[in-house]
Amino acid sequence: MNKKTAQILDLRQFFPYRLAVLEQRVGIATSRHYQQDFELSRVEWRVMATLAMFDSISATDICEFTHMAKMQVSRAIARLKEKNLVVQKVSESDHRATQLSLTAEGQKIYRCIVPRVLQEEQAILGYLSAAERGQLEKIIDKLEDALG
């Protein structure tokens, strides 16, 4: 099959591509709030945010919750432990497992970052009306349900 008879995919109209580009742009806009001042990567920030939500959680559970790869999460945890932002302890219920949680310094940094990323989120979503934001939430939920 030659190029003239092959179907050409226009990435500008291809939903997965457009969504990936949008995610990248939103990620860049919000990441400056934790990268510049706190020298945290996107994965490190997501691990910290997950730990703040669950208080104490295993690395495996972080991977499942965030849909991030085990190696990414493991490296982020190691860096966060080096920075004294995360502590890892043996689980009280299963001595073969470990639980992670934010240190006092990790909690302090997390509380400093949250208002900044929420403000950035509102700035981005400010381009949409309240009705459009509601529709967006419904569409995201519907696509998540469809994909399992």
C-alpha atoms as a PDB file:
ATOM      1  CA  MET A   1       0.000   0.000   0.000  1.00  0.00           C
ATOM      2  CA  ASN A   2       1.475   3.353  -0.946  1.00  0.00           C
ATOM      3  CA  LYS A   3       1.070   6.674   0.807  1.00  0.00           C
ATOM      4  CA  LYS A   4      -1.565   7.894  -1.647  1.00  0.00           C
ATOM      5  CA  THR A   5      -3.927   4.997  -0.931  1.00  0.00           C
ATOM      6  CA  ALA A   6      -3.190   4.674   2.796  1.00  0.00           C
ATOM      7  CA  GLN A   7      -5.467   6.421   5.240  1.00  0.00           C
ATOM      8  CA  ILE A   8      -3.667   9.395   6.775  1.00  0.00           C
ATOM      9  CA  LEU A   9      -4.347  10.167  10.401  1.00  0.00           C
ATOM     10  CA  ASP A  10      -4.659  13.874  11.118  1.00  0.00           C
ATOM     11  CA  LEU A  11      -3.312  14.190  14.658  1.00  0.00           C
ATOM     12  CA  ARG A  12      -4.967  17.599  15.000  1.00  0.00           C
ATOM     13  CA  GLN A  13      -8.339  15.809  15.003  1.00  0.00           C
ATOM     14  CA  PHE A  14      -7.299  12.568  16.772  1.00  0.00           C
ATOM     15  CA  PHE A  15      -8.808  12.559  20.277  1.00  0.00           C
ATOM     16  CA  PRO A  16      -6.019  10.591  22.070  1.00  0.00           C
ATOM     17  CA  TYR A  17      -3.385  12.939  20.664  1.00  0.00           C
ATOM     18  CA  ARG A  18      -5.335  16.087  21.510  1.00  0.00           C
ATOM     19  CA  LEU A  19      -5.993  14.834  25.034  1.00  0.00           C
ATOM     20  CA  ALA A  20      -2.302  13.971  25.534  1.00  0.00           C
ATOM     21  CA  VAL A  21      -1.235  17.430  24.359  1.00  0.00           C
ATOM     22  CA  LEU A  22      -3.797  19.086  26.642  1.00  0.00           C
ATOM     23  CA  GLU A  23      -2.646  16.983  29.598  1.00  0.00           C
ATOM     24  CA  GLN A  24       0.956  17.953  28.885  1.00  0.00           C
ATOM     25  CA  ARG A  25       0.099  21.648  28.733  1.00  0.00           C
ATOM     26  CA  VAL A  26      -1.980  21.553  31.928  1.00  0.00           C
ATOM     27  CA  GLY A  27       0.802  19.586  33.620  1.00  0.00           C
ATOM     28  CA  ILE A  28       3.391  22.185  32.656  1.00  0.00           C
ATOM     29  CA  ALA A  29       1.169  25.019  33.918  1.00  0.00           C
ATOM     30  CA  THR A  30       0.676  23.392  37.327  1.00  0.00           C
ATOM     31  CA  SER A  31       4.136  21.850  37.704  1.00  0.00           C
ATOM     32  CA  ARG A  32       5.888  25.187  38.018  1.00  0.00           C
ATOM     33  CA  HIS A  33       4.313  25.527  41.469  1.00  0.00           C
ATOM     34  CA  TYR A  34       6.206  22.545  42.857  1.00  0.00           C
ATOM     35  CA  GLN A  35       9.201  22.256  40.521  1.00  0.00           C
ATOM     36  CA  GLN A  36      10.694  25.733  40.882  1.00  0.00           C
ATOM     37  CA  ASP A  37      10.282  26.399  44.586  1.00  0.00           C
ATOM     38  CA  PHE A  38      10.422  22.849  45.929  1.00  0.00           C
ATOM     39  CA  GLU A  39      12.401  20.951  43.265  1.00  0.00           C
ATOM     40  CA  LEU A  40       9.793  18.215  43.013  1.00  0.00           C
ATOM     41  CA  SER A  41       9.085  16.243  39.867  1.00  0.00           C
ATOM     42  CA  ARG A  42       5.548  15.615  38.685  1.00  0.00           C
ATOM     43  CA  VAL A  43       5.715  12.021  39.931  1.00  0.00           C
ATOM     44  CA  GLU A  44       7.085  13.092  43.323  1.00  0.00           C
ATOM     45  CA  TRP A  45       4.244  15.600  43.657  1.00  0.00           C
ATOM     46  CA  ARG A  46       1.643  12.975  42.753  1.00  0.00           C
ATOM     47  CA  VAL A  47       3.092  10.583  45.322  1.00  0.00           C
ATOM     48  CA  MET A  48       2.969  13.313  47.976  1.00  0.00           C
ATOM     49  CA  ALA A  49      -0.607  14.261  47.056  1.00  0.00           C
ATOM     50  CA  THR A  50      -1.639  10.597  47.246  1.00  0.00           C
ATOM     51  CA  LEU A  51       0.019  10.189  50.636  1.00  0.00           C
ATOM     52  CA  ALA A  52      -1.789  13.285  51.889  1.00  0.00           C
ATOM     53  CA  MET A  53      -5.114  11.811  50.771  1.00  0.00           C
ATOM     54  CA  PHE A  54      -4.596   8.398  52.352  1.00  0.00           C
ATOM     55  CA  ASP A  55      -2.331   9.304  55.295  1.00  0.00           C
ATOM     56  CA  SER A  56      -0.540   5.928  55.115  1.00  0.00           C
ATOM     57  CA  ILE A  57      -0.406   3.709  52.024  1.00  0.00           C
ATOM     58  CA  SER A  58       1.829   1.139  50.332  1.00  0.00           C
ATOM     59  CA  ALA A  59       3.846   1.811  47.192  1.00  0.00           C
ATOM     60  CA  THR A  60       1.749  -0.777  45.354  1.00  0.00           C
ATOM     61  CA  ASP A  61      -1.434   1.041  46.323  1.00  0.00           C
ATOM     62  CA  ILE A  62       0.064   4.339  45.135  1.00  0.00           C
ATOM     63  CA  CYS A  63       0.747   2.742  41.736  1.00  0.00           C
ATOM     64  CA  GLU A  64      -2.800   1.420  41.520  1.00  0.00           C
ATOM     65  CA  PHE A  65      -4.390   4.704  42.587  1.00  0.00           C
ATOM     66  CA  THR A  66      -2.297   6.958  40.332  1.00  0.00           C
ATOM     67  CA  HIS A  67      -1.957   4.583  37.367  1.00  0.00           C
ATOM     68  CA  MET A  68       1.790   5.252  37.365  1.00  0.00           C
ATOM     69  CA  ALA A  69       4.443   2.634  36.676  1.00  0.00           C
ATOM     70  CA  LYS A  70       6.075   0.850  39.611  1.00  0.00           C
ATOM     71  CA  MET A  71       9.576   2.035  38.609  1.00  0.00           C
ATOM     72  CA  GLN A  72       8.459   5.695  38.430  1.00  0.00           C
ATOM     73  CA  VAL A  73       6.846   5.485  41.849  1.00  0.00           C
ATOM     74  CA  SER A  74       9.799   3.641  43.388  1.00  0.00           C
ATOM     75  CA  ARG A  75      12.254   6.256  42.150  1.00  0.00           C
ATOM     76  CA  ALA A  76      10.024   9.091  43.359  1.00  0.00           C
ATOM     77  CA  ILE A  77       9.701   7.488  46.795  1.00  0.00           C
ATOM     78  CA  ALA A  78      13.484   7.088  47.030  1.00  0.00           C
ATOM     79  CA  ARG A  79      14.022  10.770  46.180  1.00  0.00           C
ATOM     80  CA  LEU A  80      11.307  11.878  48.619  1.00  0.00           C
ATOM     81  CA  LYS A  81      12.889   9.784  51.376  1.00  0.00           C
ATOM     82  CA  GLU A  82      16.293  11.381  50.607  1.00  0.00           C
ATOM     83  CA  LYS A  83      14.659  14.816  50.951  1.00  0.00           C
ATOM     84  CA  ASN A  84      13.093  13.734  54.275  1.00  0.00           C
ATOM     85  CA  LEU A  85       9.585  14.323  52.926  1.00  0.00           C
ATOM     86  CA  VAL A  86       8.403  10.714  53.167  1.00  0.00           C
ATOM     87  CA  VAL A  87       8.951   8.011  55.760  1.00  0.00           C
ATOM     88  CA  GLN A  88       8.560   4.278  55.198  1.00  0.00           C
ATOM     89  CA  LYS A  89       7.585   1.976  58.074  1.00  0.00           C
ATOM     90  CA  VAL A  90       6.801  -1.697  58.427  1.00  0.00           C
ATOM     91  CA  SER A  91       3.056  -2.276  58.344  1.00  0.00           C
ATOM     92  CA  GLU A  92       1.528  -3.106  61.719  1.00  0.00           C
ATOM     93  CA  SER A  93      -0.982  -5.502  60.129  1.00  0.00           C
ATOM     94  CA  ASP A  94       1.478  -7.273  57.775  1.00  0.00           C
ATOM     95  CA  HIS A  95       5.128  -7.249  58.794  1.00  0.00           C
ATOM     96  CA  ARG A  96       6.168  -8.181  55.234  1.00  0.00           C
ATOM     97  CA  ALA A  97       4.697  -4.940  53.843  1.00  0.00           C
ATOM     98  CA  THR A  98       5.655  -1.316  54.320  1.00  0.00           C
ATOM     99  CA  GLN A  99       3.523   1.791  54.578  1.00  0.00           C
ATOM    100  CA  LEU A 100       4.514   5.257  53.439  1.00  0.00           C
ATOM    101  CA  SER A 101       3.475   8.566  54.906  1.00  0.00           C
ATOM    102  CA  LEU A 102       4.502  12.197  54.723  1.00  0.00           C
ATOM    103  CA  THR A 103       6.923  13.505  57.310  1.00  0.00           C
ATOM    104  CA  ALA A 104       6.147  16.765  59.113  1.00  0.00           C
ATOM    105  CA  GLU A 105       8.314  18.562  56.523  1.00  0.00           C
ATOM    106  CA  GLY A 106       6.488  16.753  53.713  1.00  0.00           C
ATOM    107  CA  GLN A 107       3.139  17.845  55.136  1.00  0.00           C
ATOM    108  CA  LYS A 108       4.362  21.430  55.435  1.00  0.00           C
ATOM    109  CA  ILE A 109       5.501  21.540  51.804  1.00  0.00           C
ATOM    110  CA  TYR A 110       2.293  19.831  50.649  1.00  0.00           C
ATOM    111  CA  ARG A 111       0.169  22.454  52.447  1.00  0.00           C
ATOM    112  CA  CYS A 112       2.221  25.190  50.795  1.00  0.00           C
ATOM    113  CA  ILE A 113       1.780  23.760  47.281  1.00  0.00           C
ATOM    114  CA  VAL A 114      -1.938  22.911  47.401  1.00  0.00           C
ATOM    115  CA  PRO A 115      -3.302  26.489  47.302  1.00  0.00           C
ATOM    116  CA  ARG A 116      -1.005  27.272  44.377  1.00  0.00           C
ATOM    117  CA  VAL A 117      -2.064  24.310  42.221  1.00  0.00           C
ATOM    118  CA  LEU A 118      -5.724  24.867  43.099  1.00  0.00           C
ATOM    119  CA  GLN A 119      -5.401  28.488  42.011  1.00  0.00           C
ATOM    120  CA  GLU A 120      -3.793  27.347  38.746  1.00  0.00           C
ATOM    121  CA  GLU A 121      -6.602  24.834  38.236  1.00  0.00           C
ATOM    122  CA  GLN A 122      -9.178  27.591  38.700  1.00  0.00           C
ATOM    123  CA  ALA A 123      -7.329  29.847  36.265  1.00  0.00           C
ATOM    124  CA  ILE A 124      -7.423  27.113  33.627  1.00  0.00           C
ATOM    125  CA  LEU A 125     -11.036  26.181  34.287  1.00  0.00           C
ATOM    126  CA  GLY A 126     -11.933  29.873  34.322  1.00  0.00           C
ATOM    127  CA  TYR A 127     -12.024  29.733  30.534  1.00  0.00           C
ATOM    128  CA  LEU A 128     -15.147  27.567  30.876  1.00  0.00           C
ATOM    129  CA  SER A 129     -18.573  28.577  32.112  1.00  0.00           C
ATOM    130  CA  ALA A 130     -20.014  26.821  35.153  1.00  0.00           C
ATOM    131  CA  ALA A 131     -22.207  24.765  32.826  1.00  0.00           C
ATOM    132  CA  GLU A 132     -19.219  23.790  30.683  1.00  0.00           C
ATOM    133  CA  ARG A 133     -17.245  22.749  33.779  1.00  0.00           C
ATOM    134  CA  GLY A 134     -20.166  20.551  34.817  1.00  0.00           C
ATOM    135  CA  GLN A 135     -20.326  19.040  31.341  1.00  0.00           C
ATOM    136  CA  LEU A 136     -16.585  18.430  31.372  1.00  0.00           C
ATOM    137  CA  GLU A 137     -16.855  16.572  34.696  1.00  0.00           C
ATOM    138  CA  LYS A 138     -19.689  14.422  33.323  1.00  0.00           C
ATOM    139  CA  ILE A 139     -17.774  13.680  30.120  1.00  0.00           C
ATOM    140  CA  ILE A 140     -14.616  12.700  32.039  1.00  0.00           C
ATOM    141  CA  ASP A 141     -16.659  10.443  34.340  1.00  0.00           C
ATOM    142  CA  LYS A 142     -18.422   8.859  31.384  1.00  0.00           C
ATOM    143  CA  LEU A 143     -15.164   8.132  29.532  1.00  0.00           C
ATOM    144  CA  GLU A 144     -13.559   6.739  32.700  1.00  0.00           C
ATOM    145  CA  ASP A 145     -16.545   4.434  33.197  1.00  0.00           C
ATOM    146  CA  ALA A 146     -16.397   3.318  29.552  1.00  0.00           C
ATOM    147  CA  LEU A 147     -12.689   2.479  29.839  1.00  0.00           C
ATOM    148  CA  GLY A 148     -13.094   0.635  33.111  1.00  0.00           C
END
